[in-house]
Amino acid sequence: MTIGEAITASRRRFGAVVPAEVMVQWLSHLDGAMHKELLQTHYIADETFFLPYDGDTDLSTPLLVPFPYDTLYGPYLEMKTAEVLGETLLCNNAAAQYHSALLTYMDAVNRTCPPKGAVSLKLF
């Protein structure tokens, strides 16, 4: 899924109430956290490289989470948009969907990629 596809999918539900630049920033924070906290802590066959997204980032840039786990991006953007709009019920529903999809992806990474461990991460 690309940045533009995620934004388009989110806008089908809420319209363009949040500027695309803000959504790009949200996606950058999500992928940045995903890269640092999950992907960099495991030995992954395709080493990932991450540069934060900004207003100059091409909307055709692929997001980090691959198919079929990329379904987490839609609920994530819906959750953030509903939060901005003060729509608590919609925010909570989207948050539950996002967290379920996130856990599914994290479980897949944990099952298929060995962890690097505390020594290789220089935690000790």
PDB file of N, CA and C in Angstrom:
ATOM      1  N   MET A   1       0.848  -1.172   0.000  1.00  0.00           N
ATOM      2  CA  MET A   1       0.000   0.000   0.000  1.00  0.00           C
ATOM      3  C   MET A   1       0.891   1.232   0.000  1.00  0.00           C
ATOM      4  N   THR A   2       0.480   2.233  -0.739  1.00  0.00           N
ATOM      5  CA  THR A   2       1.232   3.485  -0.795  1.00  0.00           C
ATOM      6  C   THR A   2       0.612   4.519   0.142  1.00  0.00           C
ATOM      7  N   ILE A   3       1.337   5.586   0.364  1.00  0.00           N
ATOM      8  CA  ILE A   3       0.821   6.685   1.186  1.00  0.00           C
ATOM      9  C   ILE A   3      -0.488   7.201   0.587  1.00  0.00           C
ATOM     10  N   GLY A   4      -0.492   7.417  -0.719  1.00  0.00           N
ATOM     11  CA  GLY A   4      -1.685   7.943  -1.388  1.00  0.00           C
ATOM     12  C   GLY A   4      -2.866   7.004  -1.291  1.00  0.00           C
ATOM     13  N   GLU A   5      -2.639   5.702  -1.419  1.00  0.00           N
ATOM     14  CA  GLU A   5      -3.728   4.726  -1.306  1.00  0.00           C
ATOM     15  C   GLU A   5      -4.325   4.735   0.100  1.00  0.00           C
ATOM     16  N   ALA A   6      -3.491   4.845   1.109  1.00  0.00           N
ATOM     17  CA  ALA A   6      -3.986   4.877   2.488  1.00  0.00           C
ATOM     18  C   ALA A   6      -4.830   6.133   2.728  1.00  0.00           C
ATOM     19  N   ILE A   7      -4.365   7.255   2.225  1.00  0.00           N
ATOM     20  CA  ILE A   7      -5.110   8.509   2.396  1.00  0.00           C
ATOM     21  C   ILE A   7      -6.435   8.442   1.645  1.00  0.00           C
ATOM     22  N   THR A   8      -6.416   7.940   0.423  1.00  0.00           N
ATOM     23  CA  THR A   8      -7.637   7.818  -0.375  1.00  0.00           C
ATOM     24  C   THR A   8      -8.652   6.917   0.316  1.00  0.00           C
ATOM     25  N   ALA A   9      -8.200   5.790   0.850  1.00  0.00           N
ATOM     26  CA  ALA A   9      -9.096   4.867   1.550  1.00  0.00           C
ATOM     27  C   ALA A   9      -9.723   5.537   2.767  1.00  0.00           C
ATOM     28  N   SER A  10      -8.941   6.300   3.493  1.00  0.00           N
ATOM     29  CA  SER A  10      -9.458   6.980   4.678  1.00  0.00           C
ATOM     30  C   SER A  10     -10.467   8.056   4.288  1.00  0.00           C
ATOM     31  N   ARG A  11     -10.205   8.734   3.214  1.00  0.00           N
ATOM     32  CA  ARG A  11     -11.092   9.820   2.785  1.00  0.00           C
ATOM     33  C   ARG A  11     -12.434   9.311   2.266  1.00  0.00           C
ATOM     34  N   ARG A  12     -12.508   8.057   1.869  1.00  0.00           N
ATOM     35  CA  ARG A  12     -13.803   7.494   1.465  1.00  0.00           C
ATOM     36  C   ARG A  12     -14.772   7.513   2.634  1.00  0.00           C
ATOM     37  N   ARG A  13     -14.236   7.387   3.832  1.00  0.00           N
ATOM     38  CA  ARG A  13     -15.083   7.334   5.030  1.00  0.00           C
ATOM     39  C   ARG A  13     -15.409   8.717   5.582  1.00  0.00           C
ATOM     40  N   PHE A  14     -14.433   9.602   5.642  1.00  0.00           N
ATOM     41  CA  PHE A  14     -14.613  10.897   6.295  1.00  0.00           C
ATOM     42  C   PHE A  14     -14.562  12.093   5.353  1.00  0.00           C
ATOM     43  N   GLY A  15     -14.188  11.885   4.105  1.00  0.00           N
ATOM     44  CA  GLY A  15     -13.976  13.026   3.224  1.00  0.00           C
ATOM     45  C   GLY A  15     -12.630  13.666   3.521  1.00  0.00           C
ATOM     46  N   ALA A  16     -12.439  14.849   2.999  1.00  0.00           N
ATOM     47  CA  ALA A  16     -11.147  15.535   3.132  1.00  0.00           C
ATOM     48  C   ALA A  16     -11.158  16.516   4.298  1.00  0.00           C
ATOM     49  N   VAL A  17     -11.593  16.046   5.475  1.00  0.00           N
ATOM     50  CA  VAL A  17     -11.651  16.942   6.631  1.00  0.00           C
ATOM     51  C   VAL A  17     -10.278  17.203   7.241  1.00  0.00           C
ATOM     52  N   VAL A  18      -9.337  16.314   6.987  1.00  0.00           N
ATOM     53  CA  VAL A  18      -7.965  16.480   7.477  1.00  0.00           C
ATOM     54  C   VAL A  18      -7.059  16.636   6.260  1.00  0.00           C
ATOM     55  N   PRO A  19      -6.216  17.672   6.237  1.00  0.00           N
ATOM     56  CA  PRO A  19      -5.319  17.859   5.088  1.00  0.00           C
ATOM     57  C   PRO A  19      -4.406  16.647   4.869  1.00  0.00           C
ATOM     58  N   ALA A  20      -4.100  16.375   3.623  1.00  0.00           N
ATOM     59  CA  ALA A  20      -3.236  15.241   3.272  1.00  0.00           C
ATOM     60  C   ALA A  20      -1.885  15.346   3.974  1.00  0.00           C
ATOM     61  N   GLU A  21      -1.364  16.557   4.130  1.00  0.00           N
ATOM     62  CA  GLU A  21      -0.052  16.732   4.774  1.00  0.00           C
ATOM     63  C   GLU A  21      -0.072  16.213   6.205  1.00  0.00           C
ATOM     64  N   VAL A  22      -1.197  16.409   6.895  1.00  0.00           N
ATOM     65  CA  VAL A  22      -1.322  15.927   8.269  1.00  0.00           C
ATOM     66  C   VAL A  22      -1.363  14.408   8.277  1.00  0.00           C
ATOM     67  N   MET A  23      -2.108  13.816   7.334  1.00  0.00           N
ATOM     68  CA  MET A  23      -2.164  12.359   7.254  1.00  0.00           C
ATOM     69  C   MET A  23      -0.803  11.764   6.920  1.00  0.00           C
ATOM     70  N   VAL A  24      -0.050  12.429   6.069  1.00  0.00           N
ATOM     71  CA  VAL A  24       1.306  11.970   5.739  1.00  0.00           C
ATOM     72  C   VAL A  24       2.162  11.976   7.011  1.00  0.00           C
ATOM     73  N   GLN A  25       2.006  13.017   7.812  1.00  0.00           N
ATOM     74  CA  GLN A  25       2.756  13.094   9.064  1.00  0.00           C
ATOM     75  C   GLN A  25       2.353  11.962  10.013  1.00  0.00           C
ATOM     76  N   TRP A  26       1.064  11.683  10.109  1.00  0.00           N
ATOM     77  CA  TRP A  26       0.606  10.570  10.952  1.00  0.00           C
ATOM     78  C   TRP A  26       1.209   9.252  10.486  1.00  0.00           C
ATOM     79  N   LEU A  27       1.180   9.034   9.172  1.00  0.00           N
ATOM     80  CA  LEU A  27       1.746   7.788   8.620  1.00  0.00           C
ATOM     81  C   LEU A  27       3.244   7.706   8.868  1.00  0.00           C
ATOM     82  N   SER A  28       3.919   8.847   8.813  1.00  0.00           N
ATOM     83  CA  SER A  28       5.352   8.879   9.077  1.00  0.00           C
ATOM     84  C   SER A  28       5.646   8.469  10.517  1.00  0.00           C
ATOM     85  N   HIS A  29       4.859   8.985  11.446  1.00  0.00           N
ATOM     86  CA  HIS A  29       5.048   8.625  12.856  1.00  0.00           C
ATOM     87  C   HIS A  29       4.782   7.136  13.080  1.00  0.00           C
ATOM     88  N   LEU A  30       3.721   6.616  12.451  1.00  0.00           N
ATOM     89  CA  LEU A  30       3.398   5.198  12.603  1.00  0.00           C
ATOM     90  C   LEU A  30       4.511   4.321  12.035  1.00  0.00           C
ATOM     91  N   ASP A  31       4.919   4.589  10.794  1.00  0.00           N
ATOM     92  CA  ASP A  31       5.961   3.767  10.182  1.00  0.00           C
ATOM     93  C   ASP A  31       7.303   3.947  10.884  1.00  0.00           C
ATOM     94  N   GLY A  32       7.577   5.148  11.372  1.00  0.00           N
ATOM     95  CA  GLY A  32       8.814   5.369  12.123  1.00  0.00           C
ATOM     96  C   GLY A  32       8.855   4.532  13.392  1.00  0.00           C
ATOM     97  N   ALA A  33       7.747   4.510  14.110  1.00  0.00           N
ATOM     98  CA  ALA A  33       7.671   3.693  15.329  1.00  0.00           C
ATOM     99  C   ALA A  33       7.754   2.211  14.982  1.00  0.00           C
ATOM    100  N   MET A  34       7.059   1.809  13.912  1.00  0.00           N
ATOM    101  CA  MET A  34       7.075   0.408  13.484  1.00  0.00           C
ATOM    102  C   MET A  34       8.504  -0.013  13.128  1.00  0.00           C
ATOM    103  N   HIS A  35       9.217   0.854  12.430  1.00  0.00           N
ATOM    104  CA  HIS A  35      10.590   0.559  12.024  1.00  0.00           C
ATOM    105  C   HIS A  35      11.500   0.424  13.238  1.00  0.00           C
ATOM    106  N   LYS A  36      11.417   1.393  14.136  1.00  0.00           N
ATOM    107  CA  LYS A  36      12.314   1.408  15.296  1.00  0.00           C
ATOM    108  C   LYS A  36      11.992   0.314  16.306  1.00  0.00           C
ATOM    109  N   GLU A  37      10.710   0.124  16.606  1.00  0.00           N
ATOM    110  CA  GLU A  37      10.331  -0.764  17.697  1.00  0.00           C
ATOM    111  C   GLU A  37      10.113  -2.221  17.283  1.00  0.00           C
ATOM    112  N   LEU A  38       9.879  -2.473  15.998  1.00  0.00           N
ATOM    113  CA  LEU A  38       9.612  -3.839  15.573  1.00  0.00           C
ATOM    114  C   LEU A  38      10.634  -4.336  14.554  1.00  0.00           C
ATOM    115  N   LEU A  39      10.775  -3.627  13.456  1.00  0.00           N
ATOM    116  CA  LEU A  39      11.616  -4.134  12.369  1.00  0.00           C
ATOM    117  C   LEU A  39      13.096  -4.111  12.703  1.00  0.00           C
ATOM    118  N   GLN A  40      13.557  -3.085  13.410  1.00  0.00           N
ATOM    119  CA  GLN A  40      14.975  -3.025  13.769  1.00  0.00           C
ATOM    120  C   GLN A  40      15.340  -3.982  14.898  1.00  0.00           C
ATOM    121  N   THR A  41      14.355  -4.551  15.557  1.00  0.00           N
ATOM    122  CA  THR A  41      14.633  -5.452  16.669  1.00  0.00           C
ATOM    123  C   THR A  41      14.606  -6.922  16.250  1.00  0.00           C
ATOM    124  N   HIS A  42      14.417  -7.170  14.941  1.00  0.00           N
ATOM    125  CA  HIS A  42      14.369  -8.534  14.429  1.00  0.00           C
ATOM    126  C   HIS A  42      15.285  -8.673  13.217  1.00  0.00           C
ATOM    127  N   TYR A  43      15.789  -9.887  13.028  1.00  0.00           N
ATOM    128  CA  TYR A  43      16.557 -10.183  11.818  1.00  0.00           C
ATOM    129  C   TYR A  43      15.545 -10.400  10.691  1.00  0.00           C
ATOM    130  N   ILE A  44      15.481  -9.468   9.776  1.00  0.00           N
ATOM    131  CA  ILE A  44      14.494  -9.516   8.700  1.00  0.00           C
ATOM    132  C   ILE A  44      15.235  -9.763   7.392  1.00  0.00           C
ATOM    133  N   ALA A  45      14.700 -10.671   6.572  1.00  0.00           N
ATOM    134  CA  ALA A  45      15.352 -11.028   5.303  1.00  0.00           C
ATOM    135  C   ALA A  45      15.562  -9.800   4.431  1.00  0.00           C
ATOM    136  N   ASP A  46      14.535  -8.999   4.276  1.00  0.00           N
ATOM    137  CA  ASP A  46      14.648  -7.758   3.497  1.00  0.00           C
ATOM    138  C   ASP A  46      14.846  -6.619   4.481  1.00  0.00           C
ATOM    139  N   GLU A  47      16.101  -6.268   4.739  1.00  0.00           N
ATOM    140  CA  GLU A  47      16.364  -5.177   5.673  1.00  0.00           C
ATOM    141  C   GLU A  47      15.636  -3.919   5.207  1.00  0.00           C
ATOM    142  N   THR A  48      14.923  -3.312   6.113  1.00  0.00           N
ATOM    143  CA  THR A  48      14.150  -2.122   5.770  1.00  0.00           C
ATOM    144  C   THR A  48      14.938  -0.868   6.109  1.00  0.00           C
ATOM    145  N   PHE A  49      14.715   0.144   5.317  1.00  0.00           N
ATOM    146  CA  PHE A  49      15.324   1.443   5.523  1.00  0.00           C
ATOM    147  C   PHE A  49      14.179   2.432   5.611  1.00  0.00           C
ATOM    148  N   PHE A  50      14.236   3.352   6.535  1.00  0.00           N
ATOM    149  CA  PHE A  50      13.127   4.282   6.703  1.00  0.00           C
ATOM    150  C   PHE A  50      13.609   5.715   6.764  1.00  0.00           C
ATOM    151  N   LEU A  51      13.046   6.543   5.913  1.00  0.00           N
ATOM    152  CA  LEU A  51      13.205   7.989   5.981  1.00  0.00           C
ATOM    153  C   LEU A  51      11.829   8.567   6.279  1.00  0.00           C
ATOM    154  N   PRO A  52      11.721   9.439   7.278  1.00  0.00           N
ATOM    155  CA  PRO A  52      10.405  10.000   7.602  1.00  0.00           C
ATOM    156  C   PRO A  52       9.758  10.670   6.379  1.00  0.00           C
ATOM    157  N   TYR A  53       8.445  10.573   6.328  1.00  0.00           N
ATOM    158  CA  TYR A  53       7.688  11.198   5.248  1.00  0.00           C
ATOM    159  C   TYR A  53       7.400  12.650   5.628  1.00  0.00           C
ATOM    160  N   ASP A  54       7.355  13.500   4.605  1.00  0.00           N
ATOM    161  CA  ASP A  54       6.997  14.894   4.840  1.00  0.00           C
ATOM    162  C   ASP A  54       6.207  15.418   3.646  1.00  0.00           C
ATOM    163  N   GLY A  55       5.998  16.713   3.586  1.00  0.00           N
ATOM    164  CA  GLY A  55       5.210  17.307   2.511  1.00  0.00           C
ATOM    165  C   GLY A  55       5.797  17.099   1.127  1.00  0.00           C
ATOM    166  N   ASP A  56       7.091  16.799   1.048  1.00  0.00           N
ATOM    167  CA  ASP A  56       7.738  16.575  -0.244  1.00  0.00           C
ATOM    168  C   ASP A  56       7.751  15.101  -0.655  1.00  0.00           C
ATOM    169  N   THR A  57       7.293  14.226   0.224  1.00  0.00           N
ATOM    170  CA  THR A  57       7.310  12.797  -0.072  1.00  0.00           C
ATOM    171  C   THR A  57       6.269  12.475  -1.140  1.00  0.00           C
ATOM    172  N   ASP A  58       6.685  11.720  -2.134  1.00  0.00           N
ATOM    173  CA  ASP A  58       5.795  11.290  -3.213  1.00  0.00           C
ATOM    174  C   ASP A  58       4.716  10.384  -2.625  1.00  0.00           C
ATOM    175  N   LEU A  59       3.455  10.639  -2.975  1.00  0.00           N
ATOM    176  CA  LEU A  59       2.348   9.850  -2.442  1.00  0.00           C
ATOM    177  C   LEU A  59       2.352   8.408  -2.955  1.00  0.00           C
ATOM    178  N   SER A  60       3.186   8.120  -3.951  1.00  0.00           N
ATOM    179  CA  SER A  60       3.296   6.741  -4.442  1.00  0.00           C
ATOM    180  C   SER A  60       4.356   5.949  -3.665  1.00  0.00           C
ATOM    181  N   THR A  61       4.896   6.551  -2.621  1.00  0.00           N
ATOM    182  CA  THR A  61       5.876   5.876  -1.768  1.00  0.00           C
ATOM    183  C   THR A  61       5.208   4.731  -1.014  1.00  0.00           C
ATOM    184  N   PRO A  62       5.777   3.521  -1.085  1.00  0.00           N
ATOM    185  CA  PRO A  62       5.180   2.401  -0.347  1.00  0.00           C
ATOM    186  C   PRO A  62       5.349   2.574   1.158  1.00  0.00           C
ATOM    187  N   LEU A  63       4.332   2.179   1.897  1.00  0.00           N
ATOM    188  CA  LEU A  63       4.400   2.161   3.351  1.00  0.00           C
ATOM    189  C   LEU A  63       5.147   0.899   3.788  1.00  0.00           C
ATOM    190  N   LEU A  64       5.592   0.844   5.037  1.00  0.00           N
ATOM    191  CA  LEU A  64       6.446  -0.254   5.500  1.00  0.00           C
ATOM    192  C   LEU A  64       5.743  -1.598   5.648  1.00  0.00           C
ATOM    193  N   VAL A  65       4.508  -1.590   6.098  1.00  0.00           N
ATOM    194  CA  VAL A  65       3.829  -2.851   6.394  1.00  0.00           C
ATOM    195  C   VAL A  65       3.315  -3.465   5.090  1.00  0.00           C
ATOM    196  N   PRO A  66       3.738  -4.689   4.788  1.00  0.00           N
ATOM    197  CA  PRO A  66       3.374  -5.314   3.516  1.00  0.00           C
ATOM    198  C   PRO A  66       1.971  -5.941   3.533  1.00  0.00           C
ATOM    199  N   PHE A  67       1.493  -6.257   2.334  1.00  0.00           N
ATOM    200  CA  PHE A  67       0.261  -7.019   2.174  1.00  0.00           C
ATOM    201  C   PHE A  67       0.478  -8.399   2.797  1.00  0.00           C
ATOM    202  N   PRO A  68      -0.442  -8.980   3.447  1.00  0.00           N
ATOM    203  CA  PRO A  68      -1.827  -8.591   3.708  1.00  0.00           C
ATOM    204  C   PRO A  68      -2.017  -7.819   5.003  1.00  0.00           C
ATOM    205  N   TYR A  69      -0.918  -7.458   5.659  1.00  0.00           N
ATOM    206  CA  TYR A  69      -1.004  -6.795   6.964  1.00  0.00           C
ATOM    207  C   TYR A  69      -1.213  -5.290   6.856  1.00  0.00           C
ATOM    208  N   ASP A  70      -1.142  -4.749   5.643  1.00  0.00           N
ATOM    209  CA  ASP A  70      -1.286  -3.313   5.436  1.00  0.00           C
ATOM    210  C   ASP A  70      -2.699  -2.795   5.728  1.00  0.00           C
ATOM    211  N   THR A  71      -3.603  -3.699   6.075  1.00  0.00           N
ATOM    212  CA  THR A  71      -4.956  -3.269   6.427  1.00  0.00           C
ATOM    213  C   THR A  71      -4.980  -2.438   7.700  1.00  0.00           C
ATOM    214  N   LEU A  72      -3.882  -2.373   8.424  1.00  0.00           N
ATOM    215  CA  LEU A  72      -3.846  -1.567   9.643  1.00  0.00           C
ATOM    216  C   LEU A  72      -3.856  -0.070   9.353  1.00  0.00           C
ATOM    217  N   TYR A  73      -3.440   0.342   8.165  1.00  0.00           N
ATOM    218  CA  TYR A  73      -3.348   1.778   7.861  1.00  0.00           C
ATOM    219  C   TYR A  73      -4.711   2.471   7.787  1.00  0.00           C
ATOM    220  N   GLY A  74      -5.715   1.807   7.215  1.00  0.00           N
ATOM    221  CA  GLY A  74      -7.039   2.417   7.114  1.00  0.00           C
ATOM    222  C   GLY A  74      -7.625   2.748   8.484  1.00  0.00           C
ATOM    223  N   PRO A  75      -7.734   1.752   9.375  1.00  0.00           N
ATOM    224  CA  PRO A  75      -8.259   2.050  10.707  1.00  0.00           C
ATOM    225  C   PRO A  75      -7.401   3.055  11.486  1.00  0.00           C
ATOM    226  N   TYR A  76      -6.079   3.032  11.246  1.00  0.00           N
ATOM    227  CA  TYR A  76      -5.211   3.990  11.941  1.00  0.00           C
ATOM    228  C   TYR A  76      -5.574   5.419  11.541  1.00  0.00           C
ATOM    229  N   LEU A  77      -5.702   5.671  10.240  1.00  0.00           N
ATOM    230  CA  LEU A  77      -6.059   7.016   9.790  1.00  0.00           C
ATOM    231  C   LEU A  77      -7.479   7.389  10.209  1.00  0.00           C
ATOM    232  N   GLU A  78      -8.376   6.418  10.203  1.00  0.00           N
ATOM    233  CA  GLU A  78      -9.745   6.680  10.669  1.00  0.00           C
ATOM    234  C   GLU A  78      -9.746   7.036  12.153  1.00  0.00           C
ATOM    235  N   MET A  79      -8.963   6.326  12.943  1.00  0.00           N
ATOM    236  CA  MET A  79      -8.859   6.599  14.374  1.00  0.00           C
ATOM    237  C   MET A  79      -8.349   8.017  14.614  1.00  0.00           C
ATOM    238  N   LYS A  80      -7.283   8.379  13.909  1.00  0.00           N
ATOM    239  CA  LYS A  80      -6.708   9.714  14.091  1.00  0.00           C
ATOM    240  C   LYS A  80      -7.677  10.812  13.633  1.00  0.00           C
ATOM    241  N   THR A  81      -8.370  10.573  12.521  1.00  0.00           N
ATOM    242  CA  THR A  81      -9.335  11.555  12.013  1.00  0.00           C
ATOM    243  C   THR A  81     -10.501  11.698  12.974  1.00  0.00           C
ATOM    244  N   ALA A  82     -11.044  10.589  13.452  1.00  0.00           N
ATOM    245  CA  ALA A  82     -12.157  10.637  14.398  1.00  0.00           C
ATOM    246  C   ALA A  82     -11.746  11.340  15.687  1.00  0.00           C
ATOM    247  N   GLU A  83     -10.498  11.151  16.087  1.00  0.00           N
ATOM    248  CA  GLU A  83      -9.986  11.835  17.275  1.00  0.00           C
ATOM    249  C   GLU A  83     -10.007  13.347  17.068  1.00  0.00           C
ATOM    250  N   VAL A  84      -9.559  13.793  15.905  1.00  0.00           N
ATOM    251  CA  VAL A  84      -9.553  15.223  15.591  1.00  0.00           C
ATOM    252  C   VAL A  84     -10.978  15.785  15.582  1.00  0.00           C
ATOM    253  N   LEU A  85     -11.917  14.993  15.066  1.00  0.00           N
ATOM    254  CA  LEU A  85     -13.309  15.434  14.967  1.00  0.00           C
ATOM    255  C   LEU A  85     -14.068  15.314  16.285  1.00  0.00           C
ATOM    256  N   GLY A  86     -13.453  14.702  17.278  1.00  0.00           N
ATOM    257  CA  GLY A  86     -14.116  14.522  18.561  1.00  0.00           C
ATOM    258  C   GLY A  86     -15.179  13.439  18.537  1.00  0.00           C
ATOM    259  N   GLU A  87     -15.061  12.524  17.592  1.00  0.00           N
ATOM    260  CA  GLU A  87     -16.010  11.414  17.443  1.00  0.00           C
ATOM    261  C   GLU A  87     -15.502  10.213  18.246  1.00  0.00           C
ATOM    262  N   THR A  88     -15.812  10.219  19.543  1.00  0.00           N
ATOM    263  CA  THR A  88     -15.256   9.223  20.454  1.00  0.00           C
ATOM    264  C   THR A  88     -15.616   7.797  20.066  1.00  0.00           C
ATOM    265  N   LEU A  89     -16.881   7.541  19.755  1.00  0.00           N
ATOM    266  CA  LEU A  89     -17.295   6.180  19.417  1.00  0.00           C
ATOM    267  C   LEU A  89     -16.592   5.682  18.156  1.00  0.00           C
ATOM    268  N   LEU A  90     -16.543   6.523  17.110  1.00  0.00           N
ATOM    269  CA  LEU A  90     -15.846   6.141  15.876  1.00  0.00           C
ATOM    270  C   LEU A  90     -14.355   5.935  16.136  1.00  0.00           C
ATOM    271  N   CYS A  91     -13.788   6.787  16.970  1.00  0.00           N
ATOM    272  CA  CYS A  91     -12.364   6.673  17.309  1.00  0.00           C
ATOM    273  C   CYS A  91     -12.096   5.349  18.024  1.00  0.00           C
ATOM    274  N   ASN A  92     -12.934   5.012  18.975  1.00  0.00           N
ATOM    275  CA  ASN A  92     -12.737   3.764  19.717  1.00  0.00           C
ATOM    276  C   ASN A  92     -12.901   2.541  18.823  1.00  0.00           C
ATOM    277  N   ASN A  93     -13.881   2.571  17.927  1.00  0.00           N
ATOM    278  CA  ASN A  93     -14.085   1.439  17.015  1.00  0.00           C
ATOM    279  C   ASN A  93     -12.886   1.283  16.076  1.00  0.00           C
ATOM    280  N   ALA A  94     -12.422   2.402  15.518  1.00  0.00           N
ATOM    281  CA  ALA A  94     -11.264   2.345  14.623  1.00  0.00           C
ATOM    282  C   ALA A  94     -10.016   1.908  15.383  1.00  0.00           C
ATOM    283  N   ALA A  95      -9.880   2.356  16.632  1.00  0.00           N
ATOM    284  CA  ALA A  95      -8.720   1.970  17.444  1.00  0.00           C
ATOM    285  C   ALA A  95      -8.706   0.465  17.677  1.00  0.00           C
ATOM    286  N   ALA A  96      -9.868  -0.119  17.934  1.00  0.00           N
ATOM    287  CA  ALA A  96      -9.936  -1.569  18.141  1.00  0.00           C
ATOM    288  C   ALA A  96      -9.540  -2.314  16.871  1.00  0.00           C
ATOM    289  N   GLN A  97     -10.003  -1.842  15.711  1.00  0.00           N
ATOM    290  CA  GLN A  97      -9.645  -2.469  14.437  1.00  0.00           C
ATOM    291  C   GLN A  97      -8.147  -2.316  14.161  1.00  0.00           C
ATOM    292  N   TYR A  98      -7.627  -1.121  14.401  1.00  0.00           N
ATOM    293  CA  TYR A  98      -6.202  -0.862  14.180  1.00  0.00           C
ATOM    294  C   TYR A  98      -5.345  -1.764  15.075  1.00  0.00           C
ATOM    295  N   HIS A  99      -5.670  -1.814  16.358  1.00  0.00           N
ATOM    296  CA  HIS A  99      -4.858  -2.603  17.278  1.00  0.00           C
ATOM    297  C   HIS A  99      -4.919  -4.097  16.952  1.00  0.00           C
ATOM    298  N   SER A 100      -6.054  -4.570  16.507  1.00  0.00           N
ATOM    299  CA  SER A 100      -6.161  -5.972  16.095  1.00  0.00           C
ATOM    300  C   SER A 100      -5.258  -6.249  14.897  1.00  0.00           C
ATOM    301  N   ALA A 101      -5.302  -5.362  13.901  1.00  0.00           N
ATOM    302  CA  ALA A 101      -4.459  -5.530  12.709  1.00  0.00           C
ATOM    303  C   ALA A 101      -2.975  -5.391  13.071  1.00  0.00           C
ATOM    304  N   LEU A 102      -2.656  -4.465  13.967  1.00  0.00           N
ATOM    305  CA  LEU A 102      -1.270  -4.276  14.395  1.00  0.00           C
ATOM    306  C   LEU A 102      -0.744  -5.525  15.101  1.00  0.00           C
ATOM    307  N   LEU A 103      -1.533  -6.090  16.001  1.00  0.00           N
ATOM    308  CA  LEU A 103      -1.110  -7.291  16.708  1.00  0.00           C
ATOM    309  C   LEU A 103      -0.931  -8.468  15.755  1.00  0.00           C
ATOM    310  N   THR A 104      -1.783  -8.562  14.756  1.00  0.00           N
ATOM    311  CA  THR A 104      -1.643  -9.628  13.765  1.00  0.00           C
ATOM    312  C   THR A 104      -0.310  -9.495  13.032  1.00  0.00           C
ATOM    313  N   TYR A 105       0.048  -8.273  12.647  1.00  0.00           N
ATOM    314  CA  TYR A 105       1.328  -8.051  11.961  1.00  0.00           C
ATOM    315  C   TYR A 105       2.507  -8.324  12.897  1.00  0.00           C
ATOM    316  N   MET A 106       2.425  -7.817  14.119  1.00  0.00           N
ATOM    317  CA  MET A 106       3.514  -8.037  15.072  1.00  0.00           C
ATOM    318  C   MET A 106       3.700  -9.528  15.342  1.00  0.00           C
ATOM    319  N   ASP A 107       2.600 -10.246  15.469  1.00  0.00           N
ATOM    320  CA  ASP A 107       2.689 -11.696  15.673  1.00  0.00           C
ATOM    321  C   ASP A 107       3.378 -12.374  14.494  1.00  0.00           C
ATOM    322  N   ALA A 108       3.040 -11.947  13.282  1.00  0.00           N
ATOM    323  CA  ALA A 108       3.657 -12.537  12.086  1.00  0.00           C
ATOM    324  C   ALA A 108       5.162 -12.282  12.075  1.00  0.00           C
ATOM    325  N   VAL A 109       5.577 -11.068  12.410  1.00  0.00           N
ATOM    326  CA  VAL A 109       7.012 -10.758  12.458  1.00  0.00           C
ATOM    327  C   VAL A 109       7.688 -11.598  13.543  1.00  0.00           C
ATOM    328  N   ASN A 110       7.064 -11.680  14.708  1.00  0.00           N
ATOM    329  CA  ASN A 110       7.653 -12.451  15.806  1.00  0.00           C
ATOM    330  C   ASN A 110       7.740 -13.938  15.498  1.00  0.00           C
ATOM    331  N   ARG A 111       6.796 -14.463  14.701  1.00  0.00           N
ATOM    332  CA  ARG A 111       6.812 -15.885  14.345  1.00  0.00           C
ATOM    333  C   ARG A 111       7.850 -16.205  13.281  1.00  0.00           C
ATOM    334  N   THR A 112       8.097 -15.256  12.371  1.00  0.00           N
ATOM    335  CA  THR A 112       8.920 -15.569  11.207  1.00  0.00           C
ATOM    336  C   THR A 112      10.318 -14.965  11.230  1.00  0.00           C
ATOM    337  N   CYS A 113      10.574 -14.026  12.110  1.00  0.00           N
ATOM    338  CA  CYS A 113      11.884 -13.360  12.147  1.00  0.00           C
ATOM    339  C   CYS A 113      12.467 -13.456  13.557  1.00  0.00           C
ATOM    340  N   PRO A 114      13.658 -14.014  13.697  1.00  0.00           N
ATOM    341  CA  PRO A 114      14.240 -14.130  15.037  1.00  0.00           C
ATOM    342  C   PRO A 114      14.580 -12.751  15.609  1.00  0.00           C
ATOM    343  N   PRO A 115      14.393 -12.592  16.911  1.00  0.00           N
ATOM    344  CA  PRO A 115      14.733 -11.315  17.542  1.00  0.00           C
ATOM    345  C   PRO A 115      16.242 -11.143  17.629  1.00  0.00           C
ATOM    346  N   LYS A 116      16.678  -9.903  17.580  1.00  0.00           N
ATOM    347  CA  LYS A 116      18.111  -9.628  17.682  1.00  0.00           C
ATOM    348  C   LYS A 116      18.614  -9.775  19.104  1.00  0.00           C
ATOM    349  N   GLY A 117      17.784  -9.501  20.076  1.00  0.00           N
ATOM    350  CA  GLY A 117      18.179  -9.655  21.467  1.00  0.00           C
ATOM    351  C   GLY A 117      18.816  -8.410  22.030  1.00  0.00           C
ATOM    352  N   ALA A 118      18.884  -8.364  23.337  1.00  0.00           N
ATOM    353  CA  ALA A 118      19.352  -7.182  24.047  1.00  0.00           C
ATOM    354  C   ALA A 118      20.807  -6.859  23.759  1.00  0.00           C
ATOM    355  N   VAL A 119      21.662  -7.873  23.604  1.00  0.00           N
ATOM    356  CA  VAL A 119      23.093  -7.611  23.387  1.00  0.00           C
ATOM    357  C   VAL A 119      23.316  -6.941  22.038  1.00  0.00           C
ATOM    358  N   SER A 120      22.686  -7.456  20.983  1.00  0.00           N
ATOM    359  CA  SER A 120      22.888  -6.868  19.658  1.00  0.00           C
ATOM    360  C   SER A 120      22.248  -5.509  19.531  1.00  0.00           C
ATOM    361  N   LEU A 121      21.243  -5.213  20.363  1.00  0.00           N
ATOM    362  CA  LEU A 121      20.618  -3.895  20.356  1.00  0.00           C
ATOM    363  C   LEU A 121      21.353  -2.913  21.260  1.00  0.00           C
ATOM    364  N   LYS A 122      22.423  -3.394  21.902  1.00  0.00           N
ATOM    365  CA  LYS A 122      23.256  -2.586  22.798  1.00  0.00           C
ATOM    366  C   LYS A 122      22.439  -2.034  23.971  1.00  0.00           C
ATOM    367  N   LEU A 123      21.540  -2.887  24.486  1.00  0.00           N
ATOM    368  CA  LEU A 123      20.763  -2.485  25.655  1.00  0.00           C
ATOM    369  C   LEU A 123      21.532  -2.772  26.931  1.00  0.00           C
ATOM    370  N   PHE A 124      22.590  -3.599  26.837  1.00  0.00           N
ATOM    371  CA  PHE A 124      23.406  -3.918  28.013  1.00  0.00           C
ATOM    372  C   PHE A 124      24.856  -3.612  27.719  1.00  0.00           C
TER     373      PHE A 124
END
